[in-house]
């Protein structure tokens, strides 16, 4: 899953981004509203964490601009403002949730996970497909035979995205957009290496290659 974190406090942004990466997300960052608006239009994100008090362009204006352009990615607002009217205004402007500052990362993570589940039409907190169970906290996958297999960060991000979109043909470009940060490791050959590693760990029958099109994760291997 690829996230956009928009926060003008560089120290806070670095801390949040580090925690999110450790939780298995690819994270892009922006420190002002102008860059945030551009990135939100230029890239496809699974979710956005958006601070309201931004230089260049206020967070609410950025959010309204996205929504008016038809961009529907889930948006979690961060705000240091205590007024309930500000929170209501944010929700009416198109936000999906909000979190007041200061906060614990565990709450941010829980709210973010809930947003992502809802956006994918999944209510259950555990990701289970085709007998595989993905432990998103420990970044392990439990196979049908009960064996738990440890995943590297990239393997985890790739498998989570595949399992979140079962029976859907996903192009290599789409997978790289959602698995890697910025332009890091965005090479089809690298992706093929990680697909091969996943097949070795979970079984070859789960991930189907459609030559010239991409990959499909089978809900019934």
Protein backbone atom coordinates (compact mmCIF):
# COMPACT_ATOMS: atom_id res chain seq x y z
CA UNK A 1 0.00 0.00 0.00
CA UNK A 2 1.30 3.43 -0.92
CA UNK A 3 0.50 6.46 1.23
CA UNK A 4 0.93 10.19 0.90
CA UNK A 5 1.83 11.92 4.17
CA UNK A 6 1.33 15.69 4.16
CA UNK A 7 2.78 17.40 7.23
CA UNK A 8 4.71 20.68 7.44
CA UNK A 9 6.45 19.80 10.71
CA UNK A 10 9.51 18.02 9.31
CA UNK A 11 10.41 16.34 12.60
CA UNK A 12 6.89 14.98 13.10
CA UNK A 13 6.66 13.93 9.45
CA UNK A 14 9.93 12.01 9.63
CA UNK A 15 8.77 10.17 12.75
CA UNK A 16 5.39 9.24 11.28
CA UNK A 17 6.91 8.19 7.97
CA UNK A 18 9.44 5.96 9.74
CA UNK A 19 6.70 4.26 11.77
CA UNK A 20 4.53 3.79 8.69
CA UNK A 21 7.39 2.21 6.75
CA UNK A 22 8.07 -0.15 9.64
CA UNK A 23 4.36 -1.05 9.50
CA UNK A 24 4.82 -2.11 5.88
CA UNK A 25 3.72 0.93 3.89
CA UNK A 26 5.46 2.75 1.06
CA UNK A 27 5.34 6.45 1.97
CA UNK A 28 5.75 9.65 -0.04
CA UNK A 29 5.84 12.96 1.84
CA UNK A 30 4.96 16.60 1.17
CA UNK A 31 5.47 19.59 3.46
CA UNK A 32 3.21 22.17 1.84
CA UNK A 33 -0.21 22.32 0.22
CA UNK A 34 1.00 23.05 -3.30
CA UNK A 35 3.23 19.97 -3.49
CA UNK A 36 0.56 17.88 -1.79
CA UNK A 37 -2.10 18.83 -4.32
CA UNK A 38 0.25 18.05 -7.20
CA UNK A 39 1.31 14.65 -5.82
CA UNK A 40 -2.30 13.69 -5.12
CA UNK A 41 -3.13 14.32 -8.76
CA UNK A 42 0.05 12.86 -10.26
CA UNK A 43 0.15 9.58 -8.32
CA UNK A 44 -2.42 6.99 -7.29
CA UNK A 45 -2.38 6.58 -3.51
CA UNK A 46 -4.19 4.03 -1.38
CA UNK A 47 -4.71 6.69 1.30
CA UNK A 48 -3.59 10.18 2.33
CA UNK A 49 -2.74 11.55 5.77
CA UNK A 50 -3.34 15.29 5.51
CA UNK A 51 -2.49 18.04 7.98
CA UNK A 52 -4.78 21.09 7.83
CA UNK A 53 -2.32 23.84 8.73
CA UNK A 54 -0.11 23.84 5.66
CA UNK A 55 1.97 26.60 4.06
CA UNK A 56 1.31 27.44 0.42
CA UNK A 57 -2.28 26.17 0.41
CA UNK A 58 -4.47 25.15 3.36
CA UNK A 59 -5.19 21.46 3.78
CA UNK A 60 -8.95 21.91 3.40
CA UNK A 61 -8.46 23.70 0.08
CA UNK A 62 -6.22 20.87 -1.11
CA UNK A 63 -8.84 18.31 -0.09
CA UNK A 64 -11.67 20.20 -1.80
CA UNK A 65 -9.61 20.47 -4.97
CA UNK A 66 -8.98 16.71 -5.00
CA UNK A 67 -12.62 15.89 -4.46
CA UNK A 68 -13.81 18.36 -7.11
CA UNK A 69 -11.42 16.65 -9.53
CA UNK A 70 -12.97 13.27 -8.75
CA UNK A 71 -10.09 11.90 -6.66
CA UNK A 72 -11.66 9.54 -4.14
CA UNK A 73 -8.71 8.10 -2.19
CA UNK A 74 -9.37 7.85 1.57
CA UNK A 75 -8.14 10.92 3.46
CA UNK A 76 -7.36 11.03 7.17
CA UNK A 77 -7.04 14.59 8.48
CA UNK A 78 -4.55 15.54 11.18
CA UNK A 79 -5.45 18.67 13.09
CA UNK A 80 -4.26 20.52 16.18
CA UNK A 81 -7.52 22.47 16.23
CA UNK A 82 -9.92 21.54 19.02
CA UNK A 83 -13.03 23.13 17.57
CA UNK A 84 -15.71 20.59 16.63
CA UNK A 85 -16.76 22.93 13.82
CA UNK A 86 -13.35 22.49 12.18
CA UNK A 87 -13.72 18.73 12.32
CA UNK A 88 -17.21 18.88 10.85
CA UNK A 89 -15.98 21.18 8.08
CA UNK A 90 -13.22 18.73 7.26
CA UNK A 91 -15.64 15.81 7.01
CA UNK A 92 -18.04 17.84 4.87
CA UNK A 93 -15.13 18.77 2.59
CA UNK A 94 -14.52 15.12 1.81
CA UNK A 95 -12.36 13.75 4.62
CA UNK A 96 -13.03 10.17 5.70
CA UNK A 97 -11.72 10.50 9.25
CA UNK A 98 -9.75 12.85 11.47
CA UNK A 99 -7.26 12.61 14.32
CA UNK A 100 -6.37 15.38 16.72
CA UNK A 101 -2.81 16.26 17.69
CA UNK A 102 -1.02 15.09 19.75
CA UNK A 103 -1.75 11.43 19.12
CA UNK A 104 -0.28 7.99 19.58
CA UNK A 105 0.94 6.27 16.45
CA UNK A 106 -1.04 3.16 17.40
CA UNK A 107 -4.29 5.11 17.02
CA UNK A 108 -3.20 6.61 13.71
CA UNK A 109 -2.31 3.12 12.48
CA UNK A 110 -5.64 1.66 13.63
CA UNK A 111 -7.66 4.43 11.98
CA UNK A 112 -5.63 4.11 8.79
CA UNK A 113 -6.14 0.34 8.67
CA UNK A 114 -9.89 0.83 9.13
CA UNK A 115 -10.00 3.35 6.26
CA UNK A 116 -8.10 1.01 3.97
CA UNK A 117 -10.35 -1.93 4.84
CA UNK A 118 -13.47 0.09 4.09
CA UNK A 119 -12.05 1.36 0.81
CA UNK A 120 -11.44 -2.26 -0.23
CA UNK A 121 -14.85 -3.44 0.95
CA UNK A 122 -13.32 -5.59 3.69
CA UNK A 123 -14.72 -5.54 7.22
CA UNK A 124 -12.57 -8.23 8.86
CA UNK A 125 -9.39 -6.97 10.56
CA UNK A 126 -7.37 -9.97 9.32
CA UNK A 127 -6.57 -10.39 5.64
CA UNK A 128 -7.45 -13.97 4.65
CA UNK A 129 -7.60 -15.16 1.05
CA UNK A 130 -7.45 -18.66 -0.41
CA UNK A 131 -6.51 -20.16 2.94
CA UNK A 132 -3.61 -17.77 3.45
CA UNK A 133 -3.66 -15.53 6.52
CA UNK A 134 -1.55 -12.39 6.49
CA UNK A 135 -0.34 -11.13 9.87
CA UNK A 136 0.03 -7.43 9.14
CA UNK A 137 1.63 -6.59 12.48
CA UNK A 138 4.40 -9.19 12.37
CA UNK A 139 4.58 -9.29 8.56
CA UNK A 140 4.20 -13.06 8.43
CA UNK A 141 1.94 -15.19 6.27
CA UNK A 142 0.37 -18.41 7.55
CA UNK A 143 -0.03 -21.04 4.87
CA UNK A 144 -2.81 -23.60 4.58
CA UNK A 145 -0.55 -26.20 6.24
CA UNK A 146 -0.24 -23.95 9.31
CA UNK A 147 3.37 -23.00 8.70
CA UNK A 148 4.17 -19.33 9.37
CA UNK A 149 6.55 -17.74 6.87
CA UNK A 150 8.43 -14.52 7.52
CA UNK A 151 8.35 -11.91 4.75
CA UNK A 152 10.77 -9.15 3.86
CA UNK A 153 9.37 -5.62 3.71
CA UNK A 154 8.95 -5.64 -0.06
CA UNK A 155 7.53 -9.17 -0.10
CA UNK A 156 5.00 -8.15 2.54
CA UNK A 157 3.90 -5.00 0.69
CA UNK A 158 3.55 -6.92 -2.57
CA UNK A 159 1.63 -9.84 -1.05
CA UNK A 160 -0.68 -7.52 0.89
CA UNK A 161 -1.57 -5.62 -2.28
CA UNK A 162 -2.15 -8.82 -4.24
CA UNK A 163 -4.30 -10.34 -1.49
CA UNK A 164 -6.26 -7.09 -1.15
CA UNK A 165 -7.27 -7.39 -4.82
CA UNK A 166 -8.01 -11.09 -5.37
CA UNK A 167 -8.98 -12.28 -8.85
CA UNK A 168 -8.10 -8.88 -10.34
CA UNK A 169 -5.53 -8.53 -13.08
CA UNK A 170 -2.89 -6.10 -11.82
CA UNK A 171 -0.38 -4.64 -14.25
CA UNK A 172 3.29 -4.45 -13.36
CA UNK A 173 3.13 -0.66 -13.42
CA UNK A 174 0.21 -0.63 -10.98
CA UNK A 175 1.98 -2.98 -8.61
CA UNK A 176 5.17 -0.95 -8.64
CA UNK A 177 3.20 2.27 -8.07
CA UNK A 178 1.65 0.84 -4.90
CA UNK A 179 4.58 -1.17 -3.55
CA UNK A 180 7.58 1.13 -4.03
CA UNK A 181 8.29 4.66 -2.86
CA UNK A 182 9.01 7.36 -5.42
CA UNK A 183 11.17 5.84 -8.19
CA UNK A 184 12.94 3.35 -5.94
CA UNK A 185 13.43 -0.11 -7.46
CA UNK A 186 10.74 0.49 -10.08
CA UNK A 187 11.96 -2.08 -12.51
CA UNK A 188 9.84 -4.90 -13.93
CA UNK A 189 12.70 -7.33 -13.52
CA UNK A 190 12.94 -6.53 -9.80
CA UNK A 191 9.19 -7.10 -9.45
CA UNK A 192 9.53 -10.47 -11.13
CA UNK A 193 12.20 -11.44 -8.61
CA UNK A 194 9.88 -10.69 -5.69
CA UNK A 195 6.98 -12.54 -7.31
CA UNK A 196 9.24 -15.56 -7.68
CA UNK A 197 10.27 -15.31 -4.02
CA UNK A 198 6.64 -15.17 -2.92
CA UNK A 199 5.82 -18.25 -4.98
CA UNK A 200 8.66 -20.10 -3.27
CA UNK A 201 7.26 -19.15 0.14
CA UNK A 202 3.49 -19.57 -0.33
CA UNK A 203 3.21 -21.88 -3.34
CA UNK A 204 3.25 -21.37 -7.09
CA UNK A 205 -0.50 -21.85 -7.50
CA UNK A 206 -1.56 -18.53 -5.94
CA UNK A 207 0.00 -15.96 -8.27
CA UNK A 208 -0.78 -16.30 -11.95
CA UNK A 209 1.31 -14.55 -14.59
CA UNK A 210 -0.57 -13.07 -17.53
CA UNK A 211 2.18 -12.49 -20.04
CA UNK A 212 2.23 -8.92 -21.29
CA UNK A 213 -0.54 -7.97 -18.84
CA UNK A 214 0.57 -8.51 -15.27
CA UNK A 215 -0.31 -10.74 -12.32
CA UNK A 216 -3.48 -12.16 -10.76
CA UNK A 217 -3.84 -13.49 -7.23
CA UNK A 218 -6.25 -16.42 -7.23
CA UNK A 219 -8.86 -16.64 -4.50
CA UNK A 220 -9.26 -20.31 -5.43
CA UNK A 221 -5.87 -21.74 -6.42
